[in-house]
């Protein structure tokens, strides 16, 4: 029996700077923040598990969630590291490449960014 991993696009890489659509700081004084990605944890929880009940030569495992470990940058630099969960198989509204993209999303100018073509 073989176990294969389904290729999944992960929206950002280690070392990327992103804009995070989440409150942070003392009393959540910042409605969003800029952060550097320190690590990505591929979620191995029960929802990402595979139960094998049928005899097959190959079974496919899909890692559909991840946890981004983030170090605040810019005006929030010095705040403690934070983690945020992201679903890889659905459009996500937590991490953005630029502050403009985040603000456009928050102001209703743009919908949730589309998934990369290979994820559809």
N, C-alpha and C. Protein backbone atom coordinates (compact mmCIF):
# COMPACT_ATOMS: atom_id res chain seq x y z
N UNK A 1 0.85 -1.17 0.00
CA UNK A 1 0.00 0.00 0.00
C UNK A 1 0.89 1.24 0.00
N UNK A 2 0.47 2.25 -0.76
CA UNK A 2 1.19 3.52 -0.81
C UNK A 2 0.29 4.63 -0.27
N UNK A 3 0.89 5.55 0.42
CA UNK A 3 0.20 6.73 0.90
C UNK A 3 0.78 7.92 0.15
N UNK A 4 -0.08 8.68 -0.53
CA UNK A 4 0.41 9.83 -1.29
C UNK A 4 -0.18 11.11 -0.70
N UNK A 5 0.57 12.18 -0.84
CA UNK A 5 0.10 13.51 -0.43
C UNK A 5 -0.41 14.25 -1.64
N UNK A 6 -1.61 14.80 -1.55
CA UNK A 6 -2.15 15.59 -2.64
C UNK A 6 -1.44 16.95 -2.63
N UNK A 7 -0.94 17.39 -3.78
CA UNK A 7 -0.31 18.72 -3.83
C UNK A 7 -1.31 19.82 -3.47
N UNK A 8 -0.92 20.70 -2.59
CA UNK A 8 -1.77 21.79 -2.13
C UNK A 8 -0.95 23.08 -2.18
N UNK A 9 -1.54 24.13 -2.73
CA UNK A 9 -0.85 25.43 -2.74
C UNK A 9 -0.95 26.08 -1.37
N UNK A 10 0.17 26.53 -0.86
CA UNK A 10 0.24 27.24 0.41
C UNK A 10 0.49 28.70 0.07
N UNK A 11 -0.38 29.61 0.55
CA UNK A 11 -0.36 30.98 0.04
C UNK A 11 0.86 31.85 0.33
N UNK A 12 1.68 31.55 1.31
CA UNK A 12 2.86 32.37 1.58
C UNK A 12 3.99 31.46 2.06
N UNK A 13 5.21 31.97 2.00
CA UNK A 13 6.40 31.19 2.36
C UNK A 13 7.06 31.72 3.63
N UNK A 14 7.92 30.92 4.22
CA UNK A 14 8.71 31.33 5.38
C UNK A 14 9.51 32.58 4.99
N UNK A 15 9.50 33.58 5.86
CA UNK A 15 10.25 34.81 5.61
C UNK A 15 9.45 35.88 4.91
N UNK A 16 8.28 35.53 4.34
CA UNK A 16 7.43 36.54 3.70
C UNK A 16 6.88 37.50 4.75
N UNK A 17 6.69 38.75 4.34
CA UNK A 17 6.00 39.72 5.17
C UNK A 17 4.57 39.81 4.66
N UNK A 18 3.63 39.70 5.58
CA UNK A 18 2.21 39.69 5.22
C UNK A 18 1.46 40.69 6.10
N UNK A 19 0.25 41.00 5.68
CA UNK A 19 -0.67 41.82 6.47
C UNK A 19 -1.74 40.90 6.99
N UNK A 20 -1.98 40.95 8.30
CA UNK A 20 -2.84 39.98 8.98
C UNK A 20 -4.15 40.65 9.41
N UNK A 21 -5.26 40.08 8.97
CA UNK A 21 -6.59 40.61 9.26
C UNK A 21 -7.07 40.06 10.61
N UNK A 22 -6.41 40.53 11.68
CA UNK A 22 -6.73 40.07 13.02
C UNK A 22 -6.29 41.14 14.01
N UNK A 23 -7.07 41.34 15.05
CA UNK A 23 -6.70 42.30 16.09
C UNK A 23 -5.46 41.83 16.83
N UNK A 24 -4.66 42.77 17.32
CA UNK A 24 -3.52 42.40 18.16
C UNK A 24 -3.17 43.58 19.06
N UNK A 25 -2.28 43.32 20.01
CA UNK A 25 -1.83 44.36 20.92
C UNK A 25 -2.62 44.35 22.22
N UNK A 26 -2.19 45.20 23.14
CA UNK A 26 -2.88 45.34 24.41
C UNK A 26 -4.28 45.85 24.14
N UNK A 27 -5.26 45.17 24.68
CA UNK A 27 -6.67 45.53 24.47
C UNK A 27 -7.03 45.58 22.98
N UNK A 28 -6.32 44.84 22.17
CA UNK A 28 -6.59 44.75 20.72
C UNK A 28 -6.64 46.12 20.06
N UNK A 29 -5.66 46.98 20.37
CA UNK A 29 -5.68 48.34 19.84
C UNK A 29 -5.39 48.41 18.34
N UNK A 30 -4.82 47.35 17.77
CA UNK A 30 -4.54 47.33 16.33
C UNK A 30 -5.55 46.41 15.64
N UNK A 31 -6.33 46.92 14.68
CA UNK A 31 -7.34 46.08 14.01
C UNK A 31 -6.72 45.07 13.03
N UNK A 32 -5.49 45.32 12.63
CA UNK A 32 -4.73 44.42 11.76
C UNK A 32 -3.26 44.74 11.96
N UNK A 33 -2.38 43.89 11.44
CA UNK A 33 -0.96 44.15 11.65
C UNK A 33 -0.11 43.53 10.55
N UNK A 34 1.11 44.03 10.47
CA UNK A 34 2.12 43.53 9.54
C UNK A 34 2.98 42.53 10.29
N UNK A 35 3.32 41.40 9.64
CA UNK A 35 4.10 40.38 10.32
C UNK A 35 4.98 39.62 9.35
N UNK A 36 6.02 39.03 9.88
CA UNK A 36 6.91 38.16 9.12
C UNK A 36 6.58 36.71 9.49
N UNK A 37 6.50 35.83 8.49
CA UNK A 37 6.20 34.43 8.74
C UNK A 37 7.46 33.73 9.24
N UNK A 38 7.38 33.19 10.46
CA UNK A 38 8.51 32.52 11.09
C UNK A 38 8.50 31.02 10.76
N UNK A 39 7.32 30.42 10.81
CA UNK A 39 7.19 29.00 10.48
C UNK A 39 5.75 28.70 10.09
N UNK A 40 5.56 27.60 9.38
CA UNK A 40 4.24 27.12 9.00
C UNK A 40 4.12 25.69 9.52
N UNK A 41 3.11 25.47 10.32
CA UNK A 41 2.87 24.14 10.87
C UNK A 41 1.73 23.52 10.07
N UNK A 42 2.00 22.40 9.42
CA UNK A 42 0.96 21.70 8.69
C UNK A 42 0.12 20.96 9.70
N UNK A 43 -1.16 21.26 9.72
CA UNK A 43 -2.07 20.74 10.73
C UNK A 43 -2.33 19.26 10.53
N UNK A 44 -1.96 18.46 11.51
CA UNK A 44 -2.18 17.02 11.45
C UNK A 44 -3.31 16.58 12.35
N UNK A 45 -4.29 17.45 12.57
CA UNK A 45 -5.39 17.12 13.46
C UNK A 45 -6.29 16.05 12.86
N UNK A 46 -7.27 15.63 13.62
CA UNK A 46 -8.18 14.58 13.19
C UNK A 46 -8.87 14.93 11.88
N UNK A 47 -9.18 16.21 11.66
CA UNK A 47 -9.86 16.60 10.42
C UNK A 47 -8.96 16.40 9.19
N UNK A 48 -7.66 16.31 9.40
CA UNK A 48 -6.73 16.06 8.30
C UNK A 48 -6.22 14.63 8.30
N UNK A 49 -6.88 13.76 9.03
CA UNK A 49 -6.46 12.36 9.11
C UNK A 49 -7.14 11.54 8.02
N UNK A 50 -6.58 10.39 7.78
CA UNK A 50 -7.18 9.46 6.82
C UNK A 50 -7.42 8.14 7.54
N UNK A 51 -8.63 7.64 7.41
CA UNK A 51 -8.98 6.34 7.97
C UNK A 51 -9.11 5.39 6.79
N UNK A 52 -8.40 4.30 6.85
CA UNK A 52 -8.40 3.35 5.74
C UNK A 52 -9.32 2.19 6.11
N UNK A 53 -10.39 2.05 5.32
CA UNK A 53 -11.36 0.99 5.56
C UNK A 53 -11.54 0.07 4.36
N UNK A 54 -10.92 0.42 3.26
CA UNK A 54 -11.06 -0.36 2.04
C UNK A 54 -9.68 -0.70 1.51
N UNK A 55 -9.61 -1.86 0.92
CA UNK A 55 -8.34 -2.32 0.36
C UNK A 55 -8.08 -1.59 -0.96
N UNK A 56 -7.06 -0.75 -0.99
CA UNK A 56 -6.62 -0.05 -2.19
C UNK A 56 -5.10 -0.04 -2.19
N UNK A 57 -4.53 0.07 -3.37
CA UNK A 57 -3.06 0.15 -3.48
C UNK A 57 -2.53 1.50 -3.02
N UNK A 58 -3.33 2.57 -3.27
CA UNK A 58 -2.89 3.92 -2.93
C UNK A 58 -4.00 4.68 -2.22
N UNK A 59 -3.64 5.38 -1.17
CA UNK A 59 -4.57 6.25 -0.46
C UNK A 59 -3.97 7.65 -0.47
N UNK A 60 -4.82 8.65 -0.65
CA UNK A 60 -4.36 10.03 -0.76
C UNK A 60 -4.68 10.81 0.51
N UNK A 61 -3.68 11.48 1.05
CA UNK A 61 -3.84 12.32 2.22
C UNK A 61 -3.75 13.78 1.79
N UNK A 62 -4.67 14.60 2.28
CA UNK A 62 -4.70 16.02 1.94
C UNK A 62 -4.48 16.82 3.22
N UNK A 63 -3.45 17.63 3.24
CA UNK A 63 -3.23 18.55 4.36
C UNK A 63 -3.94 19.84 3.97
N UNK A 64 -5.07 20.10 4.60
CA UNK A 64 -5.91 21.21 4.18
C UNK A 64 -5.81 22.44 5.08
N UNK A 65 -5.13 22.32 6.21
CA UNK A 65 -5.01 23.45 7.14
C UNK A 65 -3.56 23.63 7.57
N UNK A 66 -3.25 24.86 7.92
CA UNK A 66 -1.93 25.16 8.44
C UNK A 66 -2.02 26.24 9.50
N UNK A 67 -1.00 26.32 10.29
CA UNK A 67 -0.92 27.36 11.32
C UNK A 67 0.33 28.17 11.03
N UNK A 68 0.15 29.46 10.79
CA UNK A 68 1.26 30.37 10.52
C UNK A 68 1.71 30.98 11.85
N UNK A 69 2.99 30.87 12.14
CA UNK A 69 3.59 31.50 13.31
C UNK A 69 4.15 32.84 12.83
N UNK A 70 3.68 33.93 13.40
CA UNK A 70 3.96 35.27 12.89
C UNK A 70 4.67 36.15 13.92
N UNK A 71 5.64 36.92 13.44
CA UNK A 71 6.36 37.87 14.28
C UNK A 71 5.96 39.28 13.82
N UNK A 72 5.23 40.03 14.67
CA UNK A 72 4.80 41.37 14.26
C UNK A 72 5.96 42.26 13.82
N UNK A 73 5.69 43.08 12.81
CA UNK A 73 6.67 44.00 12.23
C UNK A 73 6.08 45.41 12.22
N UNK A 74 6.84 46.36 11.71
CA UNK A 74 6.34 47.73 11.55
C UNK A 74 5.90 48.33 12.88
N UNK A 75 4.71 48.96 12.89
CA UNK A 75 4.21 49.64 14.09
C UNK A 75 3.90 48.68 15.24
N UNK A 76 3.79 47.39 14.95
CA UNK A 76 3.50 46.41 16.01
C UNK A 76 4.75 45.61 16.40
N UNK A 77 5.90 46.00 15.87
CA UNK A 77 7.15 45.30 16.19
C UNK A 77 7.36 45.31 17.70
N UNK A 78 7.80 44.19 18.22
CA UNK A 78 8.03 44.07 19.66
C UNK A 78 6.89 43.38 20.38
N UNK A 79 5.72 43.28 19.75
CA UNK A 79 4.63 42.52 20.36
C UNK A 79 4.96 41.03 20.27
N UNK A 80 4.38 40.21 21.13
CA UNK A 80 4.66 38.77 21.11
C UNK A 80 4.26 38.12 19.78
N UNK A 81 4.95 37.03 19.46
CA UNK A 81 4.60 36.26 18.27
C UNK A 81 3.16 35.77 18.39
N UNK A 82 2.52 35.63 17.23
CA UNK A 82 1.13 35.19 17.20
C UNK A 82 1.00 34.06 16.19
N UNK A 83 -0.05 33.27 16.34
CA UNK A 83 -0.34 32.20 15.38
C UNK A 83 -1.72 32.42 14.80
N UNK A 84 -1.88 32.03 13.55
CA UNK A 84 -3.17 32.13 12.89
C UNK A 84 -3.38 30.90 12.02
N UNK A 85 -4.58 30.34 12.08
CA UNK A 85 -4.92 29.16 11.29
C UNK A 85 -5.45 29.57 9.93
N UNK A 86 -5.06 28.82 8.91
CA UNK A 86 -5.48 29.10 7.53
C UNK A 86 -5.90 27.80 6.87
N UNK A 87 -7.04 27.84 6.16
CA UNK A 87 -7.48 26.70 5.35
C UNK A 87 -6.89 26.87 3.96
N UNK A 88 -6.17 25.86 3.49
CA UNK A 88 -5.50 25.95 2.19
C UNK A 88 -6.43 25.72 1.01
N UNK A 89 -7.52 25.00 1.19
CA UNK A 89 -8.38 24.61 0.07
C UNK A 89 -9.53 25.58 -0.19
N UNK A 90 -9.66 26.60 0.62
CA UNK A 90 -10.73 27.59 0.45
C UNK A 90 -10.10 28.98 0.39
N UNK A 91 -10.77 29.90 -0.28
CA UNK A 91 -10.25 31.27 -0.23
C UNK A 91 -10.18 31.72 1.23
N UNK A 92 -9.09 32.37 1.59
CA UNK A 92 -8.92 32.78 2.97
C UNK A 92 -8.89 34.30 3.06
N UNK A 93 -9.29 34.81 4.21
CA UNK A 93 -9.37 36.25 4.41
C UNK A 93 -8.55 36.70 5.61
N UNK A 94 -7.49 35.96 5.91
CA UNK A 94 -6.67 36.29 7.08
C UNK A 94 -5.34 36.93 6.72
N UNK A 95 -4.70 36.46 5.64
CA UNK A 95 -3.37 36.94 5.26
C UNK A 95 -3.42 37.59 3.89
N UNK A 96 -2.74 38.73 3.77
CA UNK A 96 -2.71 39.48 2.52
C UNK A 96 -1.28 39.90 2.21
N UNK A 97 -0.96 40.00 0.93
CA UNK A 97 0.38 40.36 0.49
C UNK A 97 0.71 41.83 0.75
N UNK A 98 -0.31 42.70 0.70
CA UNK A 98 -0.08 44.13 0.90
C UNK A 98 -1.14 44.71 1.82
N UNK A 99 -0.82 45.84 2.41
CA UNK A 99 -1.80 46.54 3.26
C UNK A 99 -2.98 47.00 2.42
N UNK A 100 -2.74 47.43 1.19
CA UNK A 100 -3.82 47.86 0.30
C UNK A 100 -4.81 46.72 0.06
N UNK A 101 -4.32 45.51 -0.22
CA UNK A 101 -5.22 44.37 -0.44
C UNK A 101 -6.07 44.11 0.80
N UNK A 102 -5.45 44.18 1.98
CA UNK A 102 -6.19 43.96 3.22
C UNK A 102 -7.26 45.03 3.41
N UNK A 103 -6.89 46.30 3.23
CA UNK A 103 -7.85 47.39 3.41
C UNK A 103 -8.96 47.34 2.38
N UNK A 104 -8.63 47.01 1.13
CA UNK A 104 -9.67 46.85 0.10
C UNK A 104 -10.65 45.76 0.50
N UNK A 105 -10.13 44.65 1.02
CA UNK A 105 -11.01 43.55 1.46
C UNK A 105 -11.89 44.02 2.63
N UNK A 106 -11.29 44.68 3.61
CA UNK A 106 -12.05 45.13 4.79
C UNK A 106 -13.11 46.16 4.41
N UNK A 107 -12.83 46.97 3.39
CA UNK A 107 -13.77 48.00 2.95
C UNK A 107 -14.77 47.50 1.91
N UNK A 108 -14.70 46.21 1.59
CA UNK A 108 -15.65 45.63 0.64
C UNK A 108 -15.34 45.91 -0.81
N UNK A 109 -14.15 46.44 -1.10
CA UNK A 109 -13.77 46.73 -2.48
C UNK A 109 -13.52 45.45 -3.25
N UNK A 110 -12.85 44.50 -2.61
CA UNK A 110 -12.55 43.21 -3.22
C UNK A 110 -13.13 42.09 -2.39
N UNK A 111 -13.48 41.02 -3.07
CA UNK A 111 -13.91 39.80 -2.39
C UNK A 111 -12.67 39.10 -1.83
N UNK A 112 -12.88 37.97 -1.19
CA UNK A 112 -11.77 37.16 -0.70
C UNK A 112 -10.91 36.79 -1.89
N UNK A 113 -9.57 36.91 -1.78
CA UNK A 113 -8.69 36.56 -2.89
C UNK A 113 -8.98 35.14 -3.39
N UNK A 114 -8.92 34.97 -4.71
CA UNK A 114 -9.16 33.66 -5.32
C UNK A 114 -8.02 32.72 -5.00
N UNK A 115 -8.34 31.43 -5.01
CA UNK A 115 -7.29 30.42 -4.86
C UNK A 115 -6.42 30.38 -6.09
N UNK A 116 -5.17 29.96 -5.95
CA UNK A 116 -4.34 29.76 -7.13
C UNK A 116 -4.99 28.74 -8.05
N UNK A 117 -4.74 28.83 -9.34
CA UNK A 117 -5.38 27.97 -10.33
C UNK A 117 -5.22 26.49 -10.04
N UNK A 118 -4.07 26.07 -9.55
CA UNK A 118 -3.83 24.64 -9.30
C UNK A 118 -4.62 24.10 -8.11
N UNK A 119 -5.18 24.99 -7.27
CA UNK A 119 -5.94 24.53 -6.10
C UNK A 119 -7.41 24.31 -6.43
N UNK A 120 -7.88 24.84 -7.55
CA UNK A 120 -9.30 24.71 -7.90
C UNK A 120 -9.61 23.36 -8.49
